[in-house]
Amino acid sequence: MPRSRYDQLVEAGIFGPDDRIELLDGLLVAQEPQGERHATVVGLVRAALEKAFGGARADAERDRQRPEQRLRSACIDLKIDLKTLTRP
């Protein structure tokens, strides 16, 4: 299904904001519900990404690192286990 057809269905009210579907490669796919573990992982990843790449203060050491080094350093600083994406 083309994106334009999907948009027409949304405009016609067939799909609403509470419908958990997405258009992937032209197919309508039901989104899986987000459980507590998923929400926790999303929060940890967001915190690590913000620490690695965001923030208002300039960090000269951080800015010299490659992106994957920044993310690894942020996970270590935040005590996030890189294999399980959880905190001990």
N, C-alpha and C. Protein backbone atom coordinates (compact mmCIF):
# COMPACT_ATOMS: atom_id res chain seq x y z
N MET A 1 0.85 -1.17 0.00
CA MET A 1 0.00 0.00 0.00
C MET A 1 0.91 1.24 0.00
N PRO A 2 0.65 2.17 -0.89
CA PRO A 2 1.45 3.40 -0.89
C PRO A 2 1.10 4.30 0.30
N ARG A 3 2.04 5.14 0.66
CA ARG A 3 1.84 6.05 1.80
C ARG A 3 0.63 6.94 1.58
N SER A 4 0.41 7.37 0.35
CA SER A 4 -0.73 8.26 0.06
C SER A 4 -2.06 7.57 0.40
N ARG A 5 -2.16 6.27 0.12
CA ARG A 5 -3.40 5.53 0.43
C ARG A 5 -3.56 5.41 1.95
N TYR A 6 -2.49 5.13 2.64
CA TYR A 6 -2.52 5.06 4.10
C TYR A 6 -3.00 6.39 4.68
N ASP A 7 -2.44 7.49 4.18
CA ASP A 7 -2.84 8.82 4.65
C ASP A 7 -4.32 9.08 4.40
N GLN A 8 -4.85 8.61 3.25
CA GLN A 8 -6.27 8.76 2.96
C GLN A 8 -7.12 7.99 3.98
N LEU A 9 -6.68 6.81 4.36
CA LEU A 9 -7.41 6.00 5.34
C LEU A 9 -7.42 6.69 6.71
N VAL A 10 -6.30 7.30 7.06
CA VAL A 10 -6.23 8.04 8.32
C VAL A 10 -7.18 9.24 8.27
N GLU A 11 -7.13 10.00 7.18
CA GLU A 11 -8.00 11.17 7.03
C GLU A 11 -9.48 10.79 7.04
N ALA A 12 -9.81 9.61 6.52
CA ALA A 12 -11.20 9.14 6.49
C ALA A 12 -11.65 8.61 7.85
N GLY A 13 -10.73 8.51 8.79
CA GLY A 13 -11.09 8.05 10.12
C GLY A 13 -11.04 6.54 10.29
N ILE A 14 -10.53 5.84 9.30
CA ILE A 14 -10.42 4.38 9.39
C ILE A 14 -9.42 4.02 10.50
N PHE A 15 -8.32 4.74 10.55
CA PHE A 15 -7.31 4.56 11.59
C PHE A 15 -7.24 5.83 12.41
N GLY A 16 -7.22 5.69 13.71
CA GLY A 16 -7.13 6.84 14.60
C GLY A 16 -5.81 6.85 15.34
N PRO A 17 -5.61 7.89 16.16
CA PRO A 17 -4.34 8.02 16.88
C PRO A 17 -4.10 6.90 17.90
N ASP A 18 -5.16 6.23 18.34
CA ASP A 18 -4.99 5.15 19.31
C ASP A 18 -4.76 3.79 18.66
N ASP A 19 -4.89 3.71 17.34
CA ASP A 19 -4.63 2.45 16.64
C ASP A 19 -3.14 2.20 16.59
N ARG A 20 -2.75 1.00 16.98
CA ARG A 20 -1.32 0.66 17.04
C ARG A 20 -0.92 -0.08 15.77
N ILE A 21 -0.86 0.68 14.68
CA ILE A 21 -0.43 0.12 13.40
C ILE A 21 0.61 1.04 12.80
N GLU A 22 1.39 0.48 11.91
CA GLU A 22 2.36 1.29 11.18
C GLU A 22 2.48 0.75 9.77
N LEU A 23 2.96 1.57 8.87
CA LEU A 23 3.16 1.20 7.47
C LEU A 23 4.64 0.91 7.28
N LEU A 24 4.96 -0.36 7.01
CA LEU A 24 6.36 -0.76 6.80
C LEU A 24 6.49 -1.41 5.42
N ASP A 25 7.27 -0.79 4.58
CA ASP A 25 7.48 -1.31 3.21
C ASP A 25 6.17 -1.62 2.51
N GLY A 26 5.18 -0.75 2.70
CA GLY A 26 3.91 -0.91 2.02
C GLY A 26 2.92 -1.85 2.69
N LEU A 27 3.29 -2.41 3.83
CA LEU A 27 2.42 -3.34 4.54
C LEU A 27 1.95 -2.71 5.84
N LEU A 28 0.67 -2.92 6.17
CA LEU A 28 0.16 -2.49 7.47
C LEU A 28 0.56 -3.54 8.50
N VAL A 29 1.22 -3.10 9.56
CA VAL A 29 1.73 -4.02 10.58
C VAL A 29 1.22 -3.57 11.94
N ALA A 30 0.71 -4.52 12.72
CA ALA A 30 0.27 -4.20 14.09
C ALA A 30 1.50 -4.01 14.97
N GLN A 31 1.54 -2.93 15.72
CA GLN A 31 2.64 -2.68 16.63
C GLN A 31 2.45 -3.53 17.89
N GLU A 32 3.53 -4.07 18.37
CA GLU A 32 3.48 -4.84 19.59
C GLU A 32 3.30 -3.90 20.78
N PRO A 33 2.56 -4.35 21.78
CA PRO A 33 2.41 -3.49 22.97
C PRO A 33 3.74 -3.33 23.69
N GLN A 34 3.93 -2.17 24.28
CA GLN A 34 5.16 -1.90 25.03
C GLN A 34 4.96 -2.31 26.48
N GLY A 35 5.75 -3.26 26.91
CA GLY A 35 5.70 -3.69 28.30
C GLY A 35 6.62 -2.86 29.16
N GLU A 36 6.67 -3.20 30.43
CA GLU A 36 7.50 -2.47 31.39
C GLU A 36 8.98 -2.58 31.03
N ARG A 37 9.41 -3.78 30.63
CA ARG A 37 10.83 -3.97 30.27
C ARG A 37 11.19 -3.10 29.06
N HIS A 38 10.32 -3.07 28.07
CA HIS A 38 10.58 -2.26 26.88
C HIS A 38 10.69 -0.78 27.25
N ALA A 39 9.77 -0.31 28.07
CA ALA A 39 9.80 1.09 28.49
C ALA A 39 11.08 1.40 29.25
N THR A 40 11.53 0.47 30.09
CA THR A 40 12.77 0.67 30.85
C THR A 40 13.97 0.76 29.91
N VAL A 41 14.03 -0.15 28.94
CA VAL A 41 15.14 -0.15 27.98
C VAL A 41 15.14 1.14 27.16
N VAL A 42 13.96 1.58 26.72
CA VAL A 42 13.88 2.83 25.95
C VAL A 42 14.41 3.99 26.79
N GLY A 43 14.02 4.04 28.06
CA GLY A 43 14.51 5.11 28.94
C GLY A 43 16.01 5.07 29.13
N LEU A 44 16.56 3.87 29.32
CA LEU A 44 18.01 3.73 29.50
C LEU A 44 18.76 4.12 28.23
N VAL A 45 18.26 3.69 27.09
CA VAL A 45 18.91 4.04 25.82
C VAL A 45 18.84 5.54 25.59
N ARG A 46 17.68 6.14 25.88
CA ARG A 46 17.54 7.60 25.72
C ARG A 46 18.55 8.32 26.61
N ALA A 47 18.67 7.89 27.87
CA ALA A 47 19.62 8.53 28.79
C ALA A 47 21.06 8.39 28.28
N ALA A 48 21.40 7.20 27.78
CA ALA A 48 22.75 6.98 27.27
C ALA A 48 23.02 7.84 26.03
N LEU A 49 22.04 7.92 25.13
CA LEU A 49 22.22 8.74 23.93
C LEU A 49 22.34 10.22 24.28
N GLU A 50 21.52 10.68 25.22
CA GLU A 50 21.62 12.09 25.62
C GLU A 50 22.96 12.37 26.27
N LYS A 51 23.44 11.44 27.09
CA LYS A 51 24.73 11.63 27.73
C LYS A 51 25.85 11.60 26.71
N ALA A 52 25.74 10.70 25.73
CA ALA A 52 26.80 10.55 24.73
C ALA A 52 26.82 11.67 23.70
N PHE A 53 25.65 12.12 23.28
CA PHE A 53 25.61 13.05 22.15
C PHE A 53 24.94 14.39 22.44
N GLY A 54 24.20 14.47 23.53
CA GLY A 54 23.46 15.70 23.81
C GLY A 54 24.08 16.45 24.97
N GLY A 55 23.29 17.33 25.51
CA GLY A 55 23.74 18.09 26.67
C GLY A 55 24.24 19.46 26.28
N ALA A 56 24.08 20.36 27.18
CA ALA A 56 24.44 21.75 26.91
C ALA A 56 25.92 22.02 27.09
N ARG A 57 26.56 21.30 28.00
CA ARG A 57 27.97 21.63 28.26
C ARG A 57 28.87 20.92 27.26
N ALA A 58 29.92 21.61 26.87
CA ALA A 58 30.88 21.01 25.95
C ALA A 58 31.84 20.13 26.74
N ASP A 59 32.12 18.96 26.21
CA ASP A 59 33.05 18.05 26.84
C ASP A 59 34.10 17.70 25.80
N ALA A 60 35.30 18.27 25.95
CA ALA A 60 36.34 18.10 24.94
C ALA A 60 36.71 16.64 24.74
N GLU A 61 36.81 15.88 25.84
CA GLU A 61 37.18 14.46 25.72
C GLU A 61 36.09 13.70 24.96
N ARG A 62 34.83 13.97 25.30
CA ARG A 62 33.72 13.30 24.62
C ARG A 62 33.71 13.64 23.14
N ASP A 63 33.97 14.88 22.81
CA ASP A 63 33.90 15.31 21.42
C ASP A 63 35.01 14.70 20.55
N ARG A 64 36.09 14.23 21.18
CA ARG A 64 37.17 13.60 20.42
C ARG A 64 36.87 12.12 20.14
N GLN A 65 35.92 11.56 20.83
CA GLN A 65 35.61 10.14 20.68
C GLN A 65 34.73 9.88 19.46
N ARG A 66 34.86 8.68 18.92
CA ARG A 66 33.96 8.24 17.86
C ARG A 66 32.59 7.97 18.47
N PRO A 67 31.52 8.01 17.67
CA PRO A 67 30.16 7.82 18.22
C PRO A 67 29.99 6.55 19.05
N GLU A 68 30.55 5.41 18.56
CA GLU A 68 30.37 4.18 19.33
C GLU A 68 31.13 4.23 20.65
N GLN A 69 32.26 4.95 20.69
CA GLN A 69 32.98 5.12 21.95
C GLN A 69 32.18 6.00 22.90
N ARG A 70 31.55 7.03 22.36
CA ARG A 70 30.72 7.91 23.20
C ARG A 70 29.60 7.13 23.86
N LEU A 71 28.91 6.30 23.06
CA LEU A 71 27.79 5.55 23.59
C LEU A 71 28.26 4.55 24.64
N ARG A 72 29.36 3.85 24.38
CA ARG A 72 29.90 2.90 25.35
C ARG A 72 30.27 3.62 26.65
N SER A 73 30.93 4.77 26.54
CA SER A 73 31.30 5.53 27.73
C SER A 73 30.07 5.98 28.52
N ALA A 74 29.05 6.43 27.80
CA ALA A 74 27.82 6.87 28.47
C ALA A 74 27.16 5.72 29.20
N CYS A 75 27.12 4.54 28.58
CA CYS A 75 26.52 3.37 29.23
C CYS A 75 27.29 2.99 30.48
N ILE A 76 28.61 3.06 30.41
CA ILE A 76 29.42 2.74 31.58
C ILE A 76 29.16 3.77 32.68
N ASP A 77 29.13 5.04 32.33
CA ASP A 77 28.87 6.10 33.33
C ASP A 77 27.51 5.93 33.98
N LEU A 78 26.52 5.51 33.20
CA LEU A 78 25.16 5.34 33.71
C LEU A 78 24.93 3.96 34.31
N LYS A 79 26.01 3.14 34.33
CA LYS A 79 25.94 1.78 34.88
C LYS A 79 24.89 0.92 34.15
N ILE A 80 24.88 1.03 32.83
CA ILE A 80 23.99 0.24 32.00
C ILE A 80 24.78 -0.94 31.44
N ASP A 81 24.29 -2.16 31.66
CA ASP A 81 24.92 -3.35 31.13
C ASP A 81 24.70 -3.37 29.62
N LEU A 82 25.77 -3.35 28.85
CA LEU A 82 25.66 -3.24 27.39
C LEU A 82 25.07 -4.50 26.75
N LYS A 83 25.16 -5.65 27.42
CA LYS A 83 24.62 -6.88 26.84
C LYS A 83 23.13 -7.02 27.08
N THR A 84 22.66 -6.56 28.24
CA THR A 84 21.25 -6.75 28.56
C THR A 84 20.46 -5.44 28.58
N LEU A 85 21.16 -4.31 28.46
CA LEU A 85 20.54 -2.99 28.54
C LEU A 85 19.72 -2.82 29.80
N THR A 86 20.29 -3.25 30.91
CA THR A 86 19.66 -3.08 32.21
C THR A 86 20.68 -2.52 33.18
N ARG A 87 20.18 -2.03 34.28
CA ARG A 87 21.06 -1.58 35.36
C ARG A 87 21.12 -2.67 36.41
N PRO A 88 22.31 -2.86 37.02
CA PRO A 88 22.43 -3.89 38.06
C PRO A 88 21.61 -3.55 39.29
